[in-house]
Amino acid sequence: MWAIMGSEAVFRPQGGVSAPCLIEIVRDVELQPDSYDAVVVERGITLEAMVSEVGELKRGDVFEMGLVYFTVAKTLENDGQFVKVVVNEGHY
């Protein structure tokens, strides 16, 4: 199922070897920023990948899809099978 839903990308870890992987991008997600006592919501982009393909993600790791790249900002979830992170989008 992941092979049908996922989009092909290249994972470029900091100081590591690049590897092909499948990812799912979700835009306009409501995110709760860290270090706020009040209810504050911001919009952002999340990326989900299989842990078996990318391992433990770190801030600054990059995923590339053609001329678009996504830089990991922080990890939201990791259930051992899938990891979901907040990313920043850029263009080459």
N, C-alpha and C. Protein backbone atom coordinates (compact mmCIF):
# COMPACT_ATOMS: atom_id res chain seq x y z
N MET A 1 0.82 -1.19 0.00
CA MET A 1 0.00 0.00 0.00
C MET A 1 0.86 1.26 0.00
N TRP A 2 1.96 1.26 0.79
CA TRP A 2 2.83 2.42 0.85
C TRP A 2 3.43 2.69 -0.53
N ALA A 3 3.72 1.62 -1.30
CA ALA A 3 4.28 1.78 -2.64
C ALA A 3 3.30 2.49 -3.57
N ILE A 4 2.01 2.38 -3.32
CA ILE A 4 0.99 3.04 -4.14
C ILE A 4 0.82 4.50 -3.71
N MET A 5 0.78 4.74 -2.40
CA MET A 5 0.52 6.08 -1.87
C MET A 5 1.77 6.96 -1.85
N GLY A 6 2.94 6.38 -1.64
CA GLY A 6 4.15 7.16 -1.47
C GLY A 6 4.66 7.77 -2.76
N SER A 7 5.36 8.89 -2.63
CA SER A 7 6.01 9.55 -3.77
C SER A 7 7.50 9.27 -3.70
N GLU A 8 8.11 9.04 -4.87
CA GLU A 8 9.54 8.75 -4.90
C GLU A 8 10.34 10.00 -4.54
N ALA A 9 11.36 9.78 -3.70
CA ALA A 9 12.22 10.88 -3.27
C ALA A 9 13.63 10.32 -3.02
N VAL A 10 14.55 11.24 -2.77
CA VAL A 10 15.91 10.85 -2.37
C VAL A 10 16.14 11.43 -0.99
N PHE A 11 16.56 10.57 -0.05
CA PHE A 11 16.87 10.99 1.31
C PHE A 11 18.34 11.31 1.40
N ARG A 12 18.67 12.51 1.87
CA ARG A 12 20.07 12.94 2.01
C ARG A 12 20.34 13.30 3.47
N PRO A 13 20.76 12.29 4.25
CA PRO A 13 21.05 12.57 5.67
C PRO A 13 22.32 13.39 5.80
N GLN A 14 22.42 14.16 6.85
CA GLN A 14 23.62 14.94 7.11
C GLN A 14 24.79 14.00 7.34
N GLY A 15 25.83 14.14 6.56
CA GLY A 15 27.03 13.33 6.75
C GLY A 15 26.85 11.86 6.42
N GLY A 16 25.79 11.51 5.69
CA GLY A 16 25.54 10.11 5.37
C GLY A 16 25.42 9.89 3.87
N VAL A 17 25.03 8.69 3.52
CA VAL A 17 24.89 8.29 2.13
C VAL A 17 23.44 8.49 1.68
N SER A 18 23.24 9.10 0.52
CA SER A 18 21.90 9.30 -0.03
C SER A 18 21.26 7.98 -0.38
N ALA A 19 19.92 7.92 -0.26
CA ALA A 19 19.20 6.69 -0.57
C ALA A 19 17.81 7.01 -1.11
N PRO A 20 17.33 6.22 -2.07
CA PRO A 20 15.97 6.41 -2.55
C PRO A 20 14.97 5.98 -1.48
N CYS A 21 13.81 6.62 -1.47
CA CYS A 21 12.77 6.27 -0.51
C CYS A 21 11.42 6.72 -1.02
N LEU A 22 10.38 6.32 -0.34
CA LEU A 22 9.02 6.78 -0.62
C LEU A 22 8.58 7.66 0.53
N ILE A 23 7.91 8.77 0.21
CA ILE A 23 7.44 9.69 1.24
C ILE A 23 6.01 10.11 0.95
N GLU A 24 5.36 10.62 1.98
CA GLU A 24 4.05 11.23 1.82
C GLU A 24 4.14 12.65 2.38
N ILE A 25 3.73 13.63 1.58
CA ILE A 25 3.76 15.03 1.97
C ILE A 25 2.32 15.48 2.23
N VAL A 26 2.10 16.17 3.35
CA VAL A 26 0.79 16.74 3.65
C VAL A 26 1.00 18.23 3.92
N ARG A 27 0.32 19.07 3.16
CA ARG A 27 0.46 20.52 3.30
C ARG A 27 -0.69 21.10 4.11
N ASP A 28 -0.48 22.29 4.64
CA ASP A 28 -1.49 23.04 5.37
C ASP A 28 -2.00 22.29 6.61
N VAL A 29 -1.08 21.68 7.32
CA VAL A 29 -1.39 20.94 8.55
C VAL A 29 -1.38 21.92 9.72
N GLU A 30 -2.35 21.78 10.64
CA GLU A 30 -2.35 22.61 11.85
C GLU A 30 -1.33 22.03 12.82
N LEU A 31 -0.36 22.85 13.21
CA LEU A 31 0.71 22.43 14.11
C LEU A 31 0.65 23.27 15.38
N GLN A 32 0.97 22.66 16.50
CA GLN A 32 1.04 23.36 17.78
C GLN A 32 2.51 23.70 18.04
N PRO A 33 2.89 24.98 17.96
CA PRO A 33 4.29 25.34 18.20
C PRO A 33 4.73 25.01 19.63
N ASP A 34 6.03 24.73 19.77
CA ASP A 34 6.60 24.46 21.09
C ASP A 34 6.69 25.75 21.90
N SER A 35 6.76 25.61 23.20
CA SER A 35 7.01 26.67 24.17
C SER A 35 5.97 27.78 24.21
N TYR A 36 4.70 27.43 24.03
CA TYR A 36 3.62 28.39 24.20
C TYR A 36 2.65 27.86 25.25
N ASP A 37 2.24 28.70 26.19
CA ASP A 37 1.26 28.31 27.19
C ASP A 37 -0.16 28.48 26.68
N ALA A 38 -0.37 29.41 25.77
CA ALA A 38 -1.69 29.64 25.19
C ALA A 38 -1.89 28.71 24.00
N VAL A 39 -3.12 28.61 23.54
CA VAL A 39 -3.40 27.81 22.36
C VAL A 39 -3.05 28.62 21.12
N VAL A 40 -2.02 28.18 20.45
CA VAL A 40 -1.55 28.84 19.24
C VAL A 40 -1.45 27.78 18.17
N VAL A 41 -1.91 28.11 16.97
CA VAL A 41 -1.84 27.15 15.87
C VAL A 41 -1.15 27.80 14.70
N GLU A 42 -0.25 27.07 14.07
CA GLU A 42 0.38 27.54 12.84
C GLU A 42 0.18 26.48 11.77
N ARG A 43 0.30 26.87 10.53
CA ARG A 43 0.17 25.95 9.40
C ARG A 43 1.56 25.50 8.98
N GLY A 44 1.67 24.25 8.58
CA GLY A 44 2.96 23.74 8.16
C GLY A 44 2.83 22.55 7.24
N ILE A 45 3.96 21.93 6.95
CA ILE A 45 4.04 20.78 6.06
C ILE A 45 4.61 19.62 6.86
N THR A 46 3.97 18.46 6.74
CA THR A 46 4.53 17.25 7.35
C THR A 46 4.95 16.28 6.26
N LEU A 47 5.92 15.45 6.60
CA LEU A 47 6.44 14.43 5.71
C LEU A 47 6.47 13.13 6.49
N GLU A 48 6.03 12.05 5.89
CA GLU A 48 6.05 10.75 6.54
C GLU A 48 6.85 9.79 5.68
N ALA A 49 7.70 8.99 6.31
CA ALA A 49 8.54 8.02 5.61
C ALA A 49 8.65 6.75 6.44
N MET A 50 9.08 5.68 5.78
CA MET A 50 9.27 4.41 6.49
C MET A 50 10.61 4.42 7.21
N VAL A 51 10.61 4.05 8.48
CA VAL A 51 11.82 4.02 9.28
C VAL A 51 12.84 3.06 8.65
N SER A 52 12.38 1.96 8.06
CA SER A 52 13.30 0.99 7.44
C SER A 52 14.07 1.60 6.28
N GLU A 53 13.56 2.68 5.66
CA GLU A 53 14.25 3.33 4.55
C GLU A 53 15.11 4.51 4.98
N VAL A 54 14.72 5.19 6.06
CA VAL A 54 15.43 6.43 6.42
C VAL A 54 16.06 6.41 7.82
N GLY A 55 15.71 5.45 8.65
CA GLY A 55 16.26 5.39 10.01
C GLY A 55 15.76 6.52 10.89
N GLU A 56 16.57 6.92 11.85
CA GLU A 56 16.23 8.02 12.75
C GLU A 56 16.54 9.34 12.06
N LEU A 57 15.53 10.18 11.88
CA LEU A 57 15.73 11.46 11.23
C LEU A 57 16.23 12.50 12.21
N LYS A 58 17.08 13.40 11.70
CA LYS A 58 17.62 14.48 12.51
C LYS A 58 17.28 15.81 11.86
N ARG A 59 17.19 16.84 12.69
CA ARG A 59 16.97 18.20 12.18
C ARG A 59 18.06 18.50 11.15
N GLY A 60 17.63 18.98 9.98
CA GLY A 60 18.59 19.32 8.93
C GLY A 60 18.70 18.26 7.84
N ASP A 61 18.22 17.03 8.09
CA ASP A 61 18.20 16.01 7.04
C ASP A 61 17.30 16.51 5.91
N VAL A 62 17.58 16.08 4.68
CA VAL A 62 16.87 16.60 3.51
C VAL A 62 16.27 15.48 2.67
N PHE A 63 15.07 15.72 2.17
CA PHE A 63 14.41 14.86 1.19
C PHE A 63 14.26 15.67 -0.08
N GLU A 64 14.59 15.07 -1.24
CA GLU A 64 14.47 15.77 -2.52
C GLU A 64 13.48 15.06 -3.41
N MET A 65 12.65 15.85 -4.08
CA MET A 65 11.72 15.37 -5.10
C MET A 65 11.86 16.31 -6.29
N GLY A 66 12.65 15.92 -7.27
CA GLY A 66 12.87 16.79 -8.42
C GLY A 66 13.56 18.07 -7.99
N LEU A 67 12.96 19.21 -8.29
CA LEU A 67 13.55 20.51 -7.95
C LEU A 67 13.04 21.06 -6.62
N VAL A 68 12.34 20.23 -5.85
CA VAL A 68 11.82 20.63 -4.54
C VAL A 68 12.55 19.83 -3.47
N TYR A 69 12.92 20.49 -2.38
CA TYR A 69 13.52 19.78 -1.26
C TYR A 69 12.80 20.13 0.03
N PHE A 70 12.82 19.18 0.95
CA PHE A 70 12.17 19.34 2.25
C PHE A 70 13.22 19.09 3.33
N THR A 71 13.43 20.07 4.20
CA THR A 71 14.41 19.97 5.27
C THR A 71 13.69 19.68 6.58
N VAL A 72 14.15 18.66 7.30
CA VAL A 72 13.52 18.25 8.55
C VAL A 72 13.73 19.34 9.61
N ALA A 73 12.61 19.78 10.22
CA ALA A 73 12.66 20.77 11.31
C ALA A 73 12.54 20.09 12.67
N LYS A 74 11.59 19.13 12.78
CA LYS A 74 11.44 18.39 14.04
C LYS A 74 10.61 17.14 13.81
N THR A 75 10.79 16.17 14.68
CA THR A 75 10.05 14.92 14.61
C THR A 75 8.76 15.04 15.41
N LEU A 76 7.64 14.62 14.81
CA LEU A 76 6.36 14.61 15.50
C LEU A 76 6.04 13.24 16.08
N GLU A 77 6.25 12.19 15.28
CA GLU A 77 5.91 10.83 15.69
C GLU A 77 6.91 9.84 15.10
N ASN A 78 7.16 8.76 15.84
CA ASN A 78 7.95 7.65 15.33
C ASN A 78 7.46 6.40 16.04
N ASP A 79 6.69 5.56 15.31
CA ASP A 79 6.14 4.35 15.91
C ASP A 79 7.00 3.12 15.62
N GLY A 80 8.20 3.34 15.08
CA GLY A 80 9.09 2.23 14.76
C GLY A 80 8.91 1.73 13.33
N GLN A 81 7.77 2.01 12.73
CA GLN A 81 7.53 1.63 11.34
C GLN A 81 7.53 2.87 10.44
N PHE A 82 6.84 3.92 10.88
CA PHE A 82 6.78 5.18 10.14
C PHE A 82 7.24 6.32 11.03
N VAL A 83 7.87 7.32 10.42
CA VAL A 83 8.27 8.51 11.14
C VAL A 83 7.62 9.71 10.45
N LYS A 84 7.04 10.62 11.25
CA LYS A 84 6.40 11.82 10.73
C LYS A 84 7.15 13.02 11.26
N VAL A 85 7.55 13.93 10.35
CA VAL A 85 8.32 15.09 10.72
C VAL A 85 7.71 16.36 10.14
N VAL A 86 7.99 17.48 10.77
CA VAL A 86 7.66 18.79 10.23
C VAL A 86 8.83 19.19 9.34
N VAL A 87 8.53 19.70 8.14
CA VAL A 87 9.58 20.07 7.20
C VAL A 87 9.38 21.49 6.69
N ASN A 88 10.48 22.06 6.22
CA ASN A 88 10.46 23.34 5.51
C ASN A 88 10.72 23.04 4.05
N GLU A 89 9.97 23.70 3.16
CA GLU A 89 10.08 23.44 1.73
C GLU A 89 10.97 24.48 1.07
N GLY A 90 11.77 24.02 0.12
CA GLY A 90 12.61 24.91 -0.68
C GLY A 90 12.62 24.45 -2.13
N HIS A 91 13.14 25.31 -3.00
CA HIS A 91 13.19 24.99 -4.42
C HIS A 91 14.59 25.29 -4.95
N TYR A 92 15.08 24.41 -5.83
CA TYR A 92 16.39 24.61 -6.44
C TYR A 92 16.27 25.57 -7.59
